[in-house]
Amino acid sequence: MRLSQPRIEPVDLGRLDADQRAALSPFLDNGGGKVGGGRVLNIFRTLAHAPTALTAFLGWGSYILSRRSALSPRDRELVILRTGYNCRSGYEWTQHKRIGLDSGLSEAEIERIKAGPEADGWSAIDRAMLRATDDLTSDHFVSEANWAALAPLGDKGRMDLVMTVGQYTQVSMMLNSFGIQVEDGWEVDPDLKA
């Protein structure tokens, strides 16, 4: 976590204006219960200060996290976690560690993501995805060698990898810069504490 307190406080769910309520409607109780474990996550409560942007953000994010992406859930989480780690985003890492475990990554793999593509134990395609993620988060360009190593993903898979890293670099920048704090009860990885 870059900051120990928010720069922008999450909106008070009891005091939403009409635009904020509309933007948060996918998360609010409409008689059928709430999503997200019964609460609206701090990231969405903070982004609700810009409700039109939040609505667009949710639309794009739903593509990245959907089956429409050519990346498998495991591969998607591999690159999201590496992106969050490279961006030093404690919130992103904490949230997606859970999702990664549910998507087929093991605890050992998640820990190894921190060590990066040169750590022992990665398959060739895992190593290629991690290298490409490192390229994108450091140079904003996938090198020729790493692009070629991603060939098993196909063109759409390579595009989806770049778009996923781009999305989660942006998310990490917002989380870090706005000071969005993890949810109550979440534990931030010691390697990502301020």
C-alpha atoms as a PDB file:
ATOM      1  CA  MET A   1       0.000   0.000   0.000  1.00  0.00           C
ATOM      2  CA  ARG A   2       1.419   3.331  -1.015  1.00  0.00           C
ATOM      3  CA  LEU A   3      -0.767   5.345   1.379  1.00  0.00           C
ATOM      4  CA  SER A   4      -2.102   4.474   4.812  1.00  0.00           C
ATOM      5  CA  GLN A   5      -5.269   6.515   4.372  1.00  0.00           C
ATOM      6  CA  PRO A   6      -7.405   7.572   1.418  1.00  0.00           C
ATOM      7  CA  ARG A   7      -6.783  10.774  -0.473  1.00  0.00           C
ATOM      8  CA  ILE A   8     -10.354  10.489  -1.733  1.00  0.00           C
ATOM      9  CA  GLU A   9     -12.843   9.041   0.743  1.00  0.00           C
ATOM     10  CA  PRO A  10     -15.262   6.409  -0.586  1.00  0.00           C
ATOM     11  CA  VAL A  11     -18.781   7.780  -1.027  1.00  0.00           C
ATOM     12  CA  ASP A  12     -21.253   7.262   1.803  1.00  0.00           C
ATOM     13  CA  LEU A  13     -23.784   4.757   0.454  1.00  0.00           C
ATOM     14  CA  GLY A  14     -26.482   6.469   2.504  1.00  0.00           C
ATOM     15  CA  ARG A  15     -25.897   9.800   0.758  1.00  0.00           C
ATOM     16  CA  LEU A  16     -25.662   8.954  -2.948  1.00  0.00           C
ATOM     17  CA  ASP A  17     -26.889  11.354  -5.594  1.00  0.00           C
ATOM     18  CA  ALA A  18     -28.894   9.983  -8.527  1.00  0.00           C
ATOM     19  CA  ASP A  19     -25.849   9.615 -10.819  1.00  0.00           C
ATOM     20  CA  GLN A  20     -23.821   7.803  -8.148  1.00  0.00           C
ATOM     21  CA  ARG A  21     -26.764   5.500  -7.386  1.00  0.00           C
ATOM     22  CA  ALA A  22     -27.120   4.679 -11.086  1.00  0.00           C
ATOM     23  CA  ALA A  23     -23.389   3.961 -11.468  1.00  0.00           C
ATOM     24  CA  LEU A  24     -23.349   1.743  -8.372  1.00  0.00           C
ATOM     25  CA  SER A  25     -26.642   0.004  -9.200  1.00  0.00           C
ATOM     26  CA  PRO A  26     -24.914  -3.279 -10.212  1.00  0.00           C
ATOM     27  CA  PHE A  27     -23.678  -3.536  -6.616  1.00  0.00           C
ATOM     28  CA  LEU A  28     -26.606  -2.154  -4.647  1.00  0.00           C
ATOM     29  CA  ASP A  29     -29.336  -4.267  -3.103  1.00  0.00           C
ATOM     30  CA  ASN A  30     -32.304  -4.200  -5.449  1.00  0.00           C
ATOM     31  CA  GLY A  31     -34.250  -6.790  -3.516  1.00  0.00           C
ATOM     32  CA  GLY A  32     -32.086  -9.681  -4.646  1.00  0.00           C
ATOM     33  CA  GLY A  33     -29.103  -9.130  -2.366  1.00  0.00           C
ATOM     34  CA  LYS A  34     -25.758  -7.520  -3.003  1.00  0.00           C
ATOM     35  CA  VAL A  35     -22.807  -8.773  -4.992  1.00  0.00           C
ATOM     36  CA  GLY A  36     -19.216  -8.617  -3.800  1.00  0.00           C
ATOM     37  CA  GLY A  37     -19.758 -10.446  -0.522  1.00  0.00           C
ATOM     38  CA  GLY A  38     -22.607  -8.193   0.565  1.00  0.00           C
ATOM     39  CA  ARG A  39     -20.744  -4.896   0.308  1.00  0.00           C
ATOM     40  CA  VAL A  40     -19.743  -2.354  -2.284  1.00  0.00           C
ATOM     41  CA  LEU A  41     -15.950  -2.475  -2.497  1.00  0.00           C
ATOM     42  CA  ASN A  42     -13.925   0.633  -1.684  1.00  0.00           C
ATOM     43  CA  ILE A  43     -12.644   0.885  -5.260  1.00  0.00           C
ATOM     44  CA  PHE A  44     -16.181   1.302  -6.595  1.00  0.00           C
ATOM     45  CA  ARG A  45     -17.268   3.592  -3.744  1.00  0.00           C
ATOM     46  CA  THR A  46     -14.275   5.826  -4.521  1.00  0.00           C
ATOM     47  CA  LEU A  47     -14.732   5.817  -8.285  1.00  0.00           C
ATOM     48  CA  ALA A  48     -18.405   6.756  -7.717  1.00  0.00           C
ATOM     49  CA  HIS A  49     -17.173  10.341  -7.247  1.00  0.00           C
ATOM     50  CA  ALA A  50     -16.955  10.249 -11.082  1.00  0.00           C
ATOM     51  CA  PRO A  51     -20.096   8.205 -11.886  1.00  0.00           C
ATOM     52  CA  THR A  52     -19.916   8.476 -15.672  1.00  0.00           C
ATOM     53  CA  ALA A  53     -16.302   7.295 -15.616  1.00  0.00           C
ATOM     54  CA  LEU A  54     -17.218   4.467 -13.218  1.00  0.00           C
ATOM     55  CA  THR A  55     -19.916   3.237 -15.602  1.00  0.00           C
ATOM     56  CA  ALA A  56     -17.459   3.174 -18.524  1.00  0.00           C
ATOM     57  CA  PHE A  57     -14.793   1.565 -16.319  1.00  0.00           C
ATOM     58  CA  LEU A  58     -17.197  -1.232 -15.330  1.00  0.00           C
ATOM     59  CA  GLY A  59     -18.091  -1.902 -18.968  1.00  0.00           C
ATOM     60  CA  TRP A  60     -14.473  -2.315 -20.057  1.00  0.00           C
ATOM     61  CA  GLY A  61     -13.549  -4.268 -16.934  1.00  0.00           C
ATOM     62  CA  SER A  62     -16.395  -6.691 -17.539  1.00  0.00           C
ATOM     63  CA  TYR A  63     -14.837  -7.583 -20.908  1.00  0.00           C
ATOM     64  CA  ILE A  64     -11.379  -8.117 -19.395  1.00  0.00           C
ATOM     65  CA  LEU A  65     -12.792 -10.417 -16.701  1.00  0.00           C
ATOM     66  CA  SER A  66     -15.171 -12.295 -18.995  1.00  0.00           C
ATOM     67  CA  ARG A  67     -15.050 -15.425 -21.075  1.00  0.00           C
ATOM     68  CA  ARG A  68     -14.970 -13.164 -24.133  1.00  0.00           C
ATOM     69  CA  SER A  69     -11.271 -12.671 -23.434  1.00  0.00           C
ATOM     70  CA  ALA A  70      -9.045 -15.262 -25.086  1.00  0.00           C
ATOM     71  CA  LEU A  71      -7.034 -15.614 -21.867  1.00  0.00           C
ATOM     72  CA  SER A  72      -8.088 -18.386 -19.535  1.00  0.00           C
ATOM     73  CA  PRO A  73      -9.053 -17.199 -16.040  1.00  0.00           C
ATOM     74  CA  ARG A  74      -5.766 -18.621 -14.708  1.00  0.00           C
ATOM     75  CA  ASP A  75      -3.652 -16.858 -17.350  1.00  0.00           C
ATOM     76  CA  ARG A  76      -5.575 -13.607 -16.875  1.00  0.00           C
ATOM     77  CA  GLU A  77      -4.952 -13.699 -13.117  1.00  0.00           C
ATOM     78  CA  LEU A  78      -1.274 -14.550 -13.651  1.00  0.00           C
ATOM     79  CA  VAL A  79      -0.776 -11.324 -15.612  1.00  0.00           C
ATOM     80  CA  ILE A  80      -3.078  -9.237 -13.381  1.00  0.00           C
ATOM     81  CA  LEU A  81      -1.148 -10.294 -10.282  1.00  0.00           C
ATOM     82  CA  ARG A  82       2.209  -9.591 -11.930  1.00  0.00           C
ATOM     83  CA  THR A  83       0.903  -6.190 -13.047  1.00  0.00           C
ATOM     84  CA  GLY A  84      -0.347  -5.370  -9.549  1.00  0.00           C
ATOM     85  CA  TYR A  85       2.944  -6.484  -8.040  1.00  0.00           C
ATOM     86  CA  ASN A  86       5.015  -4.478 -10.529  1.00  0.00           C
ATOM     87  CA  CYS A  87       2.839  -1.423  -9.826  1.00  0.00           C
ATOM     88  CA  ARG A  88       3.251  -1.972  -6.072  1.00  0.00           C
ATOM     89  CA  SER A  89      -0.528  -2.029  -5.605  1.00  0.00           C
ATOM     90  CA  GLY A  90      -1.365  -3.698  -2.318  1.00  0.00           C
ATOM     91  CA  TYR A  91      -5.102  -3.436  -2.950  1.00  0.00           C
ATOM     92  CA  GLU A  92      -4.866  -4.992  -6.409  1.00  0.00           C
ATOM     93  CA  TRP A  93      -2.672  -7.847  -5.203  1.00  0.00           C
ATOM     94  CA  THR A  94      -4.906  -8.532  -2.203  1.00  0.00           C
ATOM     95  CA  GLN A  95      -8.112  -8.619  -4.266  1.00  0.00           C
ATOM     96  CA  HIS A  96      -6.724 -10.674  -7.133  1.00  0.00           C
ATOM     97  CA  LYS A  97      -4.875 -13.170  -4.964  1.00  0.00           C
ATOM     98  CA  ARG A  98      -8.314 -14.486  -3.955  1.00  0.00           C
ATOM     99  CA  ILE A  99      -9.507 -14.490  -7.540  1.00  0.00           C
ATOM    100  CA  GLY A 100      -6.281 -16.151  -8.692  1.00  0.00           C
ATOM    101  CA  LEU A 101      -6.728 -18.990  -6.220  1.00  0.00           C
ATOM    102  CA  ASP A 102     -10.300 -19.464  -7.441  1.00  0.00           C
ATOM    103  CA  SER A 103      -9.036 -19.430 -11.052  1.00  0.00           C
ATOM    104  CA  GLY A 104      -6.536 -22.260 -10.688  1.00  0.00           C
ATOM    105  CA  LEU A 105      -3.333 -20.618  -9.471  1.00  0.00           C
ATOM    106  CA  SER A 106      -1.740 -22.307  -6.469  1.00  0.00           C
ATOM    107  CA  GLU A 107      -0.428 -20.501  -3.395  1.00  0.00           C
ATOM    108  CA  ALA A 108       3.107 -21.424  -4.524  1.00  0.00           C
ATOM    109  CA  GLU A 109       2.525 -19.967  -8.005  1.00  0.00           C
ATOM    110  CA  ILE A 110       1.110 -16.766  -6.558  1.00  0.00           C
ATOM    111  CA  GLU A 111       4.146 -16.379  -4.316  1.00  0.00           C
ATOM    112  CA  ARG A 112       6.411 -17.145  -7.301  1.00  0.00           C
ATOM    113  CA  ILE A 113       4.737 -14.390  -9.360  1.00  0.00           C
ATOM    114  CA  LYS A 114       6.608 -11.922  -7.153  1.00  0.00           C
ATOM    115  CA  ALA A 115       9.933 -13.445  -8.228  1.00  0.00           C
ATOM    116  CA  GLY A 116       8.947 -13.022 -11.871  1.00  0.00           C
ATOM    117  CA  PRO A 117       9.512 -14.878 -15.102  1.00  0.00           C
ATOM    118  CA  GLU A 118      12.994 -16.145 -14.278  1.00  0.00           C
ATOM    119  CA  ALA A 119      11.846 -18.099 -11.210  1.00  0.00           C
ATOM    120  CA  ASP A 120      12.011 -21.871 -11.490  1.00  0.00           C
ATOM    121  CA  GLY A 121       8.826 -23.780 -12.176  1.00  0.00           C
ATOM    122  CA  TRP A 122       7.069 -21.765 -14.878  1.00  0.00           C
ATOM    123  CA  SER A 123       5.938 -23.351 -18.123  1.00  0.00           C
ATOM    124  CA  ALA A 124       7.210 -21.750 -21.318  1.00  0.00           C
ATOM    125  CA  ILE A 125       3.930 -19.893 -21.915  1.00  0.00           C
ATOM    126  CA  ASP A 126       3.684 -18.737 -18.274  1.00  0.00           C
ATOM    127  CA  ARG A 127       7.222 -17.397 -18.538  1.00  0.00           C
ATOM    128  CA  ALA A 128       6.349 -15.645 -21.830  1.00  0.00           C
ATOM    129  CA  MET A 129       3.238 -14.019 -20.319  1.00  0.00           C
ATOM    130  CA  LEU A 130       5.186 -12.831 -17.284  1.00  0.00           C
ATOM    131  CA  ARG A 131       7.977 -11.448 -19.475  1.00  0.00           C
ATOM    132  CA  ALA A 132       5.475  -9.622 -21.656  1.00  0.00           C
ATOM    133  CA  THR A 133       3.810  -8.203 -18.538  1.00  0.00           C
ATOM    134  CA  ASP A 134       7.192  -6.976 -17.314  1.00  0.00           C
ATOM    135  CA  ASP A 135       7.841  -5.408 -20.728  1.00  0.00           C
ATOM    136  CA  LEU A 136       4.514  -3.593 -20.625  1.00  0.00           C
ATOM    137  CA  THR A 137       4.810  -2.326 -17.057  1.00  0.00           C
ATOM    138  CA  SER A 138       8.381  -1.121 -17.525  1.00  0.00           C
ATOM    139  CA  ASP A 139       8.676  -0.093 -21.206  1.00  0.00           C
ATOM    140  CA  HIS A 140       5.033  -0.065 -22.387  1.00  0.00           C
ATOM    141  CA  PHE A 141       6.032  -2.274 -25.323  1.00  0.00           C
ATOM    142  CA  VAL A 142       6.321  -6.038 -25.765  1.00  0.00           C
ATOM    143  CA  SER A 143       9.752  -6.887 -27.168  1.00  0.00           C
ATOM    144  CA  GLU A 144      10.017  -8.864 -30.395  1.00  0.00           C
ATOM    145  CA  ALA A 145      11.344 -11.940 -28.588  1.00  0.00           C
ATOM    146  CA  ASN A 146       8.567 -11.897 -26.018  1.00  0.00           C
ATOM    147  CA  TRP A 147       5.918 -11.234 -28.675  1.00  0.00           C
ATOM    148  CA  ALA A 148       7.122 -14.286 -30.589  1.00  0.00           C
ATOM    149  CA  ALA A 149       7.068 -16.398 -27.410  1.00  0.00           C
ATOM    150  CA  LEU A 150       3.384 -15.488 -26.981  1.00  0.00           C
ATOM    151  CA  ALA A 151       2.483 -17.080 -30.344  1.00  0.00           C
ATOM    152  CA  PRO A 152       0.612 -19.997 -28.685  1.00  0.00           C
ATOM    153  CA  LEU A 153      -1.958 -17.441 -27.475  1.00  0.00           C
ATOM    154  CA  GLY A 154      -2.783 -16.400 -31.046  1.00  0.00           C
ATOM    155  CA  ASP A 155      -3.343 -12.825 -32.130  1.00  0.00           C
ATOM    156  CA  LYS A 156      -6.473 -12.304 -30.012  1.00  0.00           C
ATOM    157  CA  GLY A 157      -4.777 -13.802 -26.959  1.00  0.00           C
ATOM    158  CA  ARG A 158      -1.803 -11.487 -27.383  1.00  0.00           C
ATOM    159  CA  MET A 159      -4.154  -8.539 -27.775  1.00  0.00           C
ATOM    160  CA  ASP A 160      -6.118  -9.551 -24.681  1.00  0.00           C
ATOM    161  CA  LEU A 161      -2.902  -9.893 -22.681  1.00  0.00           C
ATOM    162  CA  VAL A 162      -1.820  -6.354 -23.633  1.00  0.00           C
ATOM    163  CA  MET A 163      -5.297  -4.984 -22.883  1.00  0.00           C
ATOM    164  CA  THR A 164      -5.429  -6.800 -19.529  1.00  0.00           C
ATOM    165  CA  VAL A 165      -2.055  -5.453 -18.436  1.00  0.00           C
ATOM    166  CA  GLY A 166      -3.118  -1.996 -19.615  1.00  0.00           C
ATOM    167  CA  GLN A 167      -6.397  -2.169 -17.694  1.00  0.00           C
ATOM    168  CA  TYR A 168      -4.739  -3.315 -14.474  1.00  0.00           C
ATOM    169  CA  THR A 169      -1.904  -0.809 -14.780  1.00  0.00           C
ATOM    170  CA  GLN A 170      -4.594   1.865 -14.908  1.00  0.00           C
ATOM    171  CA  VAL A 171      -6.466   0.277 -11.988  1.00  0.00           C
ATOM    172  CA  SER A 172      -3.240   0.128  -9.963  1.00  0.00           C
ATOM    173  CA  MET A 173      -2.500   3.787 -10.715  1.00  0.00           C
ATOM    174  CA  MET A 174      -5.959   4.768  -9.449  1.00  0.00           C
ATOM    175  CA  LEU A 175      -5.742   2.567  -6.361  1.00  0.00           C
ATOM    176  CA  ASN A 176      -2.288   3.858  -5.474  1.00  0.00           C
ATOM    177  CA  SER A 177      -2.887   7.541  -6.251  1.00  0.00           C
ATOM    178  CA  PHE A 178      -6.357   7.824  -4.699  1.00  0.00           C
ATOM    179  CA  GLY A 179      -5.187   5.942  -1.595  1.00  0.00           C
ATOM    180  CA  ILE A 180      -7.961   3.368  -1.819  1.00  0.00           C
ATOM    181  CA  GLN A 181      -7.682   1.207   1.265  1.00  0.00           C
ATOM    182  CA  VAL A 182      -8.292  -2.532   1.399  1.00  0.00           C
ATOM    183  CA  GLU A 183     -11.606  -3.718   2.766  1.00  0.00           C
ATOM    184  CA  ASP A 184     -11.991  -4.363   6.476  1.00  0.00           C
ATOM    185  CA  GLY A 185     -10.670  -7.821   7.265  1.00  0.00           C
ATOM    186  CA  TRP A 186      -8.330  -8.017   4.270  1.00  0.00           C
ATOM    187  CA  GLU A 187      -4.637  -8.528   4.929  1.00  0.00           C
ATOM    188  CA  VAL A 188      -2.134  -6.796   2.651  1.00  0.00           C
ATOM    189  CA  ASP A 189       0.879  -8.854   1.618  1.00  0.00           C
ATOM    190  CA  PRO A 190       3.892  -7.776   3.711  1.00  0.00           C
ATOM    191  CA  ASP A 191       5.920  -7.237   0.514  1.00  0.00           C
ATOM    192  CA  LEU A 192       3.408  -4.561  -0.562  1.00  0.00           C
ATOM    193  CA  LYS A 193       2.897  -2.663   2.666  1.00  0.00           C
ATOM    194  CA  ALA A 194       4.000   0.980   2.763  1.00  0.00           C
END
